Amino acid sequence: CGRYEIRTWSPGVHDTFLDAFLFSHSLGCRKAELVRYMLSNISWLTPDLDEGDATLDWLSRVDDSWWCCMATVCSKTDYDNTKYGAQRMWFKVDSSDPWNIASRLLARERQGRTPGRQSSCVRVCDRRHTPLFCDPSTGLGVTGKILDGWLDTVKSTYVTGPIAQYLTWHSGRVTLASSLVACNKDWG
């Protein structure tokens, strides 16, 4: 992220927290879902929507005209209790936007911010077993407890007053829902 202000955190923890936090806000996913995402949930597609295996060569070709397609993990049902929320979500890569989730996920893949990497790319056959978000100190997938601890550190560093008690991982879901309602658009 460029600025690492929490002195007790490594750059890896800073980046992993920011990526998970932005991911939560972009997809509206719950904390319990964040820990279930694997690299295999991500596909990289050309502007013509051609999909290839996420090899080092394929990832090196991804640029701002490409798409990140996220296969979401199974979630709770919708408000009518009729279908689950495991729909594919599409994000266009925009390297000019530091908050663009597709660009951050691409950087995460290219820079090897996942465990067990011998090179800068996880073998295609290992993607379904490789967590998207890992604790850099252990190389293991993050847990809800780790995510809560990181968020508590951020809140104690940057948030003052009573508002801190209301900021949780669920806040990302609320923020996304509020933004969609503010669009005043018929979604049906």
C-alpha atoms as a PDB file:
ATOM      1  CA  CYS A   1       0.000   0.000   0.000  1.00  0.00           C
ATOM      2  CA  GLY A   2       3.039   2.274   0.168  1.00  0.00           C
ATOM      3  CA  ARG A   3       2.602   3.638   3.716  1.00  0.00           C
ATOM      4  CA  TYR A   4       2.995   1.209   6.576  1.00  0.00           C
ATOM      5  CA  GLU A   5       2.054   3.143   9.696  1.00  0.00           C
ATOM      6  CA  ILE A   6       1.293   0.409  12.222  1.00  0.00           C
ATOM      7  CA  ARG A   7       4.794  -0.192  13.514  1.00  0.00           C
ATOM      8  CA  THR A   8       4.079  -3.624  14.963  1.00  0.00           C
ATOM      9  CA  TRP A   9       2.917  -4.934  11.581  1.00  0.00           C
ATOM     10  CA  SER A  10       5.046  -6.178   8.734  1.00  0.00           C
ATOM     11  CA  PRO A  11       4.356  -4.851   5.210  1.00  0.00           C
ATOM     12  CA  GLY A  12       2.777  -8.247   4.505  1.00  0.00           C
ATOM     13  CA  VAL A  13       0.236  -7.833   7.315  1.00  0.00           C
ATOM     14  CA  HIS A  14      -0.553  -4.284   6.179  1.00  0.00           C
ATOM     15  CA  ASP A  15      -1.189  -5.433   2.611  1.00  0.00           C
ATOM     16  CA  THR A  16      -3.143  -8.540   3.600  1.00  0.00           C
ATOM     17  CA  PHE A  17      -5.393  -6.560   5.948  1.00  0.00           C
ATOM     18  CA  LEU A  18      -6.007  -3.872   3.338  1.00  0.00           C
ATOM     19  CA  ASP A  19      -6.712  -6.457   0.623  1.00  0.00           C
ATOM     20  CA  ALA A  20      -9.134  -8.377   2.869  1.00  0.00           C
ATOM     21  CA  PHE A  21     -10.832  -5.165   4.010  1.00  0.00           C
ATOM     22  CA  LEU A  22     -11.235  -3.881   0.453  1.00  0.00           C
ATOM     23  CA  PHE A  23     -12.398  -7.330  -0.682  1.00  0.00           C
ATOM     24  CA  SER A  24     -15.055  -7.289   2.041  1.00  0.00           C
ATOM     25  CA  HIS A  25     -16.275  -3.861   0.917  1.00  0.00           C
ATOM     26  CA  SER A  26     -16.178  -4.721  -2.799  1.00  0.00           C
ATOM     27  CA  LEU A  27     -18.031  -8.020  -2.551  1.00  0.00           C
ATOM     28  CA  GLY A  28     -20.063  -7.388   0.593  1.00  0.00           C
ATOM     29  CA  CYS A  29     -18.896 -10.685   2.024  1.00  0.00           C
ATOM     30  CA  ARG A  30     -19.020 -11.710   5.647  1.00  0.00           C
ATOM     31  CA  LYS A  31     -15.959 -12.369   7.804  1.00  0.00           C
ATOM     32  CA  ALA A  32     -16.865 -16.068   7.876  1.00  0.00           C
ATOM     33  CA  GLU A  33     -16.787 -16.066   4.063  1.00  0.00           C
ATOM     34  CA  LEU A  34     -13.449 -14.227   3.779  1.00  0.00           C
ATOM     35  CA  VAL A  35     -11.617 -17.154   5.341  1.00  0.00           C
ATOM     36  CA  ARG A  36     -13.114 -19.597   2.798  1.00  0.00           C
ATOM     37  CA  TYR A  37     -11.883 -17.896  -0.385  1.00  0.00           C
ATOM     38  CA  MET A  38      -9.227 -19.737  -2.370  1.00  0.00           C
ATOM     39  CA  LEU A  39      -7.173 -18.654  -5.369  1.00  0.00           C
ATOM     40  CA  SER A  40      -9.392 -20.893  -7.486  1.00  0.00           C
ATOM     41  CA  ASN A  41     -12.258 -18.446  -6.841  1.00  0.00           C
ATOM     42  CA  ILE A  42     -10.464 -15.996  -9.154  1.00  0.00           C
ATOM     43  CA  SER A  43     -10.349 -16.152 -12.938  1.00  0.00           C
ATOM     44  CA  TRP A  44      -8.608 -13.668 -15.207  1.00  0.00           C
ATOM     45  CA  LEU A  45     -10.295 -12.984 -18.547  1.00  0.00           C
ATOM     46  CA  THR A  46      -9.248 -11.030 -21.613  1.00  0.00           C
ATOM     47  CA  PRO A  47     -11.345  -8.091 -22.851  1.00  0.00           C
ATOM     48  CA  ASP A  48     -13.006 -10.634 -25.201  1.00  0.00           C
ATOM     49  CA  LEU A  49     -13.817 -12.796 -22.133  1.00  0.00           C
ATOM     50  CA  ASP A  50     -11.384 -15.567 -23.059  1.00  0.00           C
ATOM     51  CA  GLU A  51     -10.290 -17.418 -19.934  1.00  0.00           C
ATOM     52  CA  GLY A  52      -7.016 -19.216 -19.455  1.00  0.00           C
ATOM     53  CA  ASP A  53      -5.269 -21.050 -16.655  1.00  0.00           C
ATOM     54  CA  ALA A  54      -3.687 -18.673 -14.140  1.00  0.00           C
ATOM     55  CA  THR A  55      -0.117 -19.514 -15.131  1.00  0.00           C
ATOM     56  CA  LEU A  56       2.758 -17.074 -14.728  1.00  0.00           C
ATOM     57  CA  ASP A  57       2.563 -16.342 -18.471  1.00  0.00           C
ATOM     58  CA  TRP A  58      -1.194 -15.709 -18.348  1.00  0.00           C
ATOM     59  CA  LEU A  59      -0.944 -13.448 -15.291  1.00  0.00           C
ATOM     60  CA  SER A  60       1.884 -11.466 -16.878  1.00  0.00           C
ATOM     61  CA  ARG A  61      -0.427 -10.527 -19.770  1.00  0.00           C
ATOM     62  CA  VAL A  62      -3.254  -9.173 -17.598  1.00  0.00           C
ATOM     63  CA  ASP A  63      -3.630  -5.403 -17.933  1.00  0.00           C
ATOM     64  CA  ASP A  64      -6.234  -2.668 -17.507  1.00  0.00           C
ATOM     65  CA  SER A  65      -8.437  -3.998 -20.265  1.00  0.00           C
ATOM     66  CA  TRP A  66      -8.886  -7.402 -18.569  1.00  0.00           C
ATOM     67  CA  TRP A  67     -11.495  -8.713 -16.140  1.00  0.00           C
ATOM     68  CA  CYS A  68     -11.262 -10.382 -12.749  1.00  0.00           C
ATOM     69  CA  CYS A  69     -14.138 -12.799 -12.325  1.00  0.00           C
ATOM     70  CA  MET A  70     -14.785 -13.807  -8.748  1.00  0.00           C
ATOM     71  CA  ALA A  71     -16.751 -16.956  -8.002  1.00  0.00           C
ATOM     72  CA  THR A  72     -18.191 -16.106  -4.610  1.00  0.00           C
ATOM     73  CA  VAL A  73     -18.410 -18.677  -1.857  1.00  0.00           C
ATOM     74  CA  CYS A  74     -21.837 -19.920  -0.871  1.00  0.00           C
ATOM     75  CA  SER A  75     -23.587 -17.457   1.396  1.00  0.00           C
ATOM     76  CA  LYS A  76     -26.913 -17.025   3.127  1.00  0.00           C
ATOM     77  CA  THR A  77     -30.082 -16.952   1.049  1.00  0.00           C
ATOM     78  CA  ASP A  78     -31.602 -13.777  -0.305  1.00  0.00           C
ATOM     79  CA  TYR A  79     -34.412 -11.901   1.483  1.00  0.00           C
ATOM     80  CA  ASP A  80     -37.046 -14.173  -0.074  1.00  0.00           C
ATOM     81  CA  ASN A  81     -35.137 -17.227   1.200  1.00  0.00           C
ATOM     82  CA  THR A  82     -35.198 -18.686  -2.326  1.00  0.00           C
ATOM     83  CA  LYS A  83     -31.611 -18.716  -3.583  1.00  0.00           C
ATOM     84  CA  TYR A  84     -28.085 -18.559  -2.250  1.00  0.00           C
ATOM     85  CA  GLY A  85     -25.785 -15.659  -3.030  1.00  0.00           C
ATOM     86  CA  ALA A  86     -23.025 -17.572  -4.768  1.00  0.00           C
ATOM     87  CA  GLN A  87     -23.047 -15.559  -7.990  1.00  0.00           C
ATOM     88  CA  ARG A  88     -20.023 -14.632 -10.078  1.00  0.00           C
ATOM     89  CA  MET A  89     -18.919 -11.023  -9.719  1.00  0.00           C
ATOM     90  CA  TRP A  90     -16.963  -9.115 -12.340  1.00  0.00           C
ATOM     91  CA  PHE A  91     -14.356  -6.434 -11.694  1.00  0.00           C
ATOM     92  CA  LYS A  92     -12.422  -4.598 -14.399  1.00  0.00           C
ATOM     93  CA  VAL A  93      -8.713  -4.138 -13.734  1.00  0.00           C
ATOM     94  CA  ASP A  94      -7.854  -0.447 -13.232  1.00  0.00           C
ATOM     95  CA  SER A  95      -4.270   0.054 -12.131  1.00  0.00           C
ATOM     96  CA  SER A  96      -4.787   3.824 -11.783  1.00  0.00           C
ATOM     97  CA  ASP A  97      -7.133   3.246  -8.821  1.00  0.00           C
ATOM     98  CA  PRO A  98      -5.361   2.102  -5.627  1.00  0.00           C
ATOM     99  CA  TRP A  99      -8.723   0.859  -4.282  1.00  0.00           C
ATOM    100  CA  ASN A 100      -9.546  -1.273  -7.344  1.00  0.00           C
ATOM    101  CA  ILE A 101     -10.047  -4.800  -6.014  1.00  0.00           C
ATOM    102  CA  ALA A 102      -9.126  -6.445  -9.332  1.00  0.00           C
ATOM    103  CA  SER A 103      -5.785  -4.615  -9.432  1.00  0.00           C
ATOM    104  CA  ARG A 104      -5.039  -5.485  -5.813  1.00  0.00           C
ATOM    105  CA  LEU A 105      -5.866  -9.164  -6.365  1.00  0.00           C
ATOM    106  CA  LEU A 106      -3.689  -9.201  -9.482  1.00  0.00           C
ATOM    107  CA  ALA A 107      -0.792  -7.676  -7.532  1.00  0.00           C
ATOM    108  CA  ARG A 108      -1.404 -10.247  -4.785  1.00  0.00           C
ATOM    109  CA  GLU A 109      -1.102 -13.071  -7.318  1.00  0.00           C
ATOM    110  CA  ARG A 110       1.937 -11.619  -9.085  1.00  0.00           C
ATOM    111  CA  GLN A 111       3.819 -10.806  -5.886  1.00  0.00           C
ATOM    112  CA  GLY A 112       3.155 -14.162  -4.302  1.00  0.00           C
ATOM    113  CA  ARG A 113       1.335 -12.997  -1.183  1.00  0.00           C
ATOM    114  CA  THR A 114       0.006 -16.485  -0.587  1.00  0.00           C
ATOM    115  CA  PRO A 115       1.608 -19.426   1.240  1.00  0.00           C
ATOM    116  CA  GLY A 116       3.780 -22.188  -0.148  1.00  0.00           C
ATOM    117  CA  ARG A 117       5.112 -20.296  -3.116  1.00  0.00           C
ATOM    118  CA  GLN A 118       8.344 -21.476  -4.645  1.00  0.00           C
ATOM    119  CA  SER A 119       7.882 -19.039  -7.516  1.00  0.00           C
ATOM    120  CA  SER A 120       5.726 -15.990  -8.123  1.00  0.00           C
ATOM    121  CA  CYS A 121       2.769 -18.088  -9.216  1.00  0.00           C
ATOM    122  CA  VAL A 122       0.835 -20.919  -7.578  1.00  0.00           C
ATOM    123  CA  ARG A 123       0.561 -23.988  -9.793  1.00  0.00           C
ATOM    124  CA  VAL A 124      -2.857 -24.185 -11.399  1.00  0.00           C
ATOM    125  CA  CYS A 125      -3.540 -27.549  -9.757  1.00  0.00           C
ATOM    126  CA  ASP A 126      -2.849 -26.061  -6.296  1.00  0.00           C
ATOM    127  CA  ARG A 127      -5.136 -23.021  -6.587  1.00  0.00           C
ATOM    128  CA  ARG A 128      -8.184 -24.748  -5.106  1.00  0.00           C
ATOM    129  CA  HIS A 129      -6.213 -25.540  -1.918  1.00  0.00           C
ATOM    130  CA  THR A 130      -4.472 -22.167  -1.575  1.00  0.00           C
ATOM    131  CA  PRO A 131      -6.218 -19.565   0.622  1.00  0.00           C
ATOM    132  CA  LEU A 132      -6.642 -16.133  -0.914  1.00  0.00           C
ATOM    133  CA  PHE A 133      -5.794 -14.402   2.367  1.00  0.00           C
ATOM    134  CA  CYS A 134      -2.966 -15.735   4.530  1.00  0.00           C
ATOM    135  CA  ASP A 135      -1.360 -14.619   7.743  1.00  0.00           C
ATOM    136  CA  PRO A 136       2.148 -13.598   6.599  1.00  0.00           C
ATOM    137  CA  SER A 137       3.619 -14.632   9.956  1.00  0.00           C
ATOM    138  CA  THR A 138       2.528 -18.259   9.561  1.00  0.00           C
ATOM    139  CA  GLY A 139       1.790 -18.707   5.861  1.00  0.00           C
ATOM    140  CA  LEU A 140      -1.568 -20.243   6.814  1.00  0.00           C
ATOM    141  CA  GLY A 141      -4.998 -19.005   5.791  1.00  0.00           C
ATOM    142  CA  VAL A 142      -6.418 -16.268   7.990  1.00  0.00           C
ATOM    143  CA  THR A 143      -9.036 -17.081  10.587  1.00  0.00           C
ATOM    144  CA  GLY A 144     -11.877 -14.955  11.903  1.00  0.00           C
ATOM    145  CA  LYS A 145      -9.886 -14.408  15.094  1.00  0.00           C
ATOM    146  CA  ILE A 146      -6.892 -13.093  13.139  1.00  0.00           C
ATOM    147  CA  LEU A 147      -9.105 -10.774  11.083  1.00  0.00           C
ATOM    148  CA  ASP A 148     -10.754  -9.456  14.254  1.00  0.00           C
ATOM    149  CA  GLY A 149      -7.366  -8.866  15.861  1.00  0.00           C
ATOM    150  CA  TRP A 150      -6.137  -6.932  12.842  1.00  0.00           C
ATOM    151  CA  LEU A 151      -9.304  -4.826  12.743  1.00  0.00           C
ATOM    152  CA  ASP A 152      -9.028  -4.130  16.487  1.00  0.00           C
ATOM    153  CA  THR A 153      -5.458  -2.893  15.928  1.00  0.00           C
ATOM    154  CA  VAL A 154      -6.583  -0.608  13.112  1.00  0.00           C
ATOM    155  CA  LYS A 155      -9.453   0.741  15.207  1.00  0.00           C
ATOM    156  CA  SER A 156      -7.243   1.397  18.232  1.00  0.00           C
ATOM    157  CA  THR A 157      -4.734   3.186  15.988  1.00  0.00           C
ATOM    158  CA  TYR A 158      -7.065   5.294  13.833  1.00  0.00           C
ATOM    159  CA  VAL A 159     -10.589   5.412  15.286  1.00  0.00           C
ATOM    160  CA  THR A 160     -11.422   7.360  18.411  1.00  0.00           C
ATOM    161  CA  GLY A 161     -14.597   7.595  20.409  1.00  0.00           C
ATOM    162  CA  PRO A 162     -17.671   5.404  20.550  1.00  0.00           C
ATOM    163  CA  ILE A 163     -17.862   4.800  16.780  1.00  0.00           C
ATOM    164  CA  ALA A 164     -15.144   2.138  17.085  1.00  0.00           C
ATOM    165  CA  GLN A 165     -17.555  -0.288  18.736  1.00  0.00           C
ATOM    166  CA  TYR A 166     -19.751  -0.231  15.623  1.00  0.00           C
ATOM    167  CA  LEU A 167     -16.978  -0.919  13.120  1.00  0.00           C
ATOM    168  CA  THR A 168     -16.804  -4.630  12.394  1.00  0.00           C
ATOM    169  CA  TRP A 169     -16.088  -6.809   9.381  1.00  0.00           C
ATOM    170  CA  HIS A 170     -19.832  -6.684   8.729  1.00  0.00           C
ATOM    171  CA  SER A 171     -19.459  -2.931   8.114  1.00  0.00           C
ATOM    172  CA  GLY A 172     -18.210  -3.696   4.600  1.00  0.00           C
ATOM    173  CA  ARG A 173     -21.441  -5.493   3.825  1.00  0.00           C
ATOM    174  CA  VAL A 174     -23.485  -2.616   5.233  1.00  0.00           C
ATOM    175  CA  THR A 175     -21.462  -0.040   3.278  1.00  0.00           C
ATOM    176  CA  LEU A 176     -21.984  -1.897   0.002  1.00  0.00           C
ATOM    177  CA  ALA A 177     -25.713  -2.372   0.654  1.00  0.00           C
ATOM    178  CA  SER A 178     -26.143   1.309   1.549  1.00  0.00           C
ATOM    179  CA  SER A 179     -24.317   2.345  -1.616  1.00  0.00           C
ATOM    180  CA  LEU A 180     -26.564   0.162  -3.745  1.00  0.00           C
ATOM    181  CA  VAL A 181     -29.700   1.574  -2.113  1.00  0.00           C
ATOM    182  CA  ALA A 182     -28.383   5.113  -2.697  1.00  0.00           C
ATOM    183  CA  CYS A 183     -28.274   4.344  -6.445  1.00  0.00           C
ATOM    184  CA  ASN A 184     -32.087   4.370  -6.317  1.00  0.00           C
ATOM    185  CA  LYS A 185     -32.229   1.745  -9.055  1.00  0.00           C
ATOM    186  CA  ASP A 186     -34.735  -1.048  -9.614  1.00  0.00           C
ATOM    187  CA  TRP A 187     -32.699  -4.244  -9.082  1.00  0.00           C
ATOM    188  CA  GLY A 188     -35.558  -6.640  -9.822  1.00  0.00           C
END
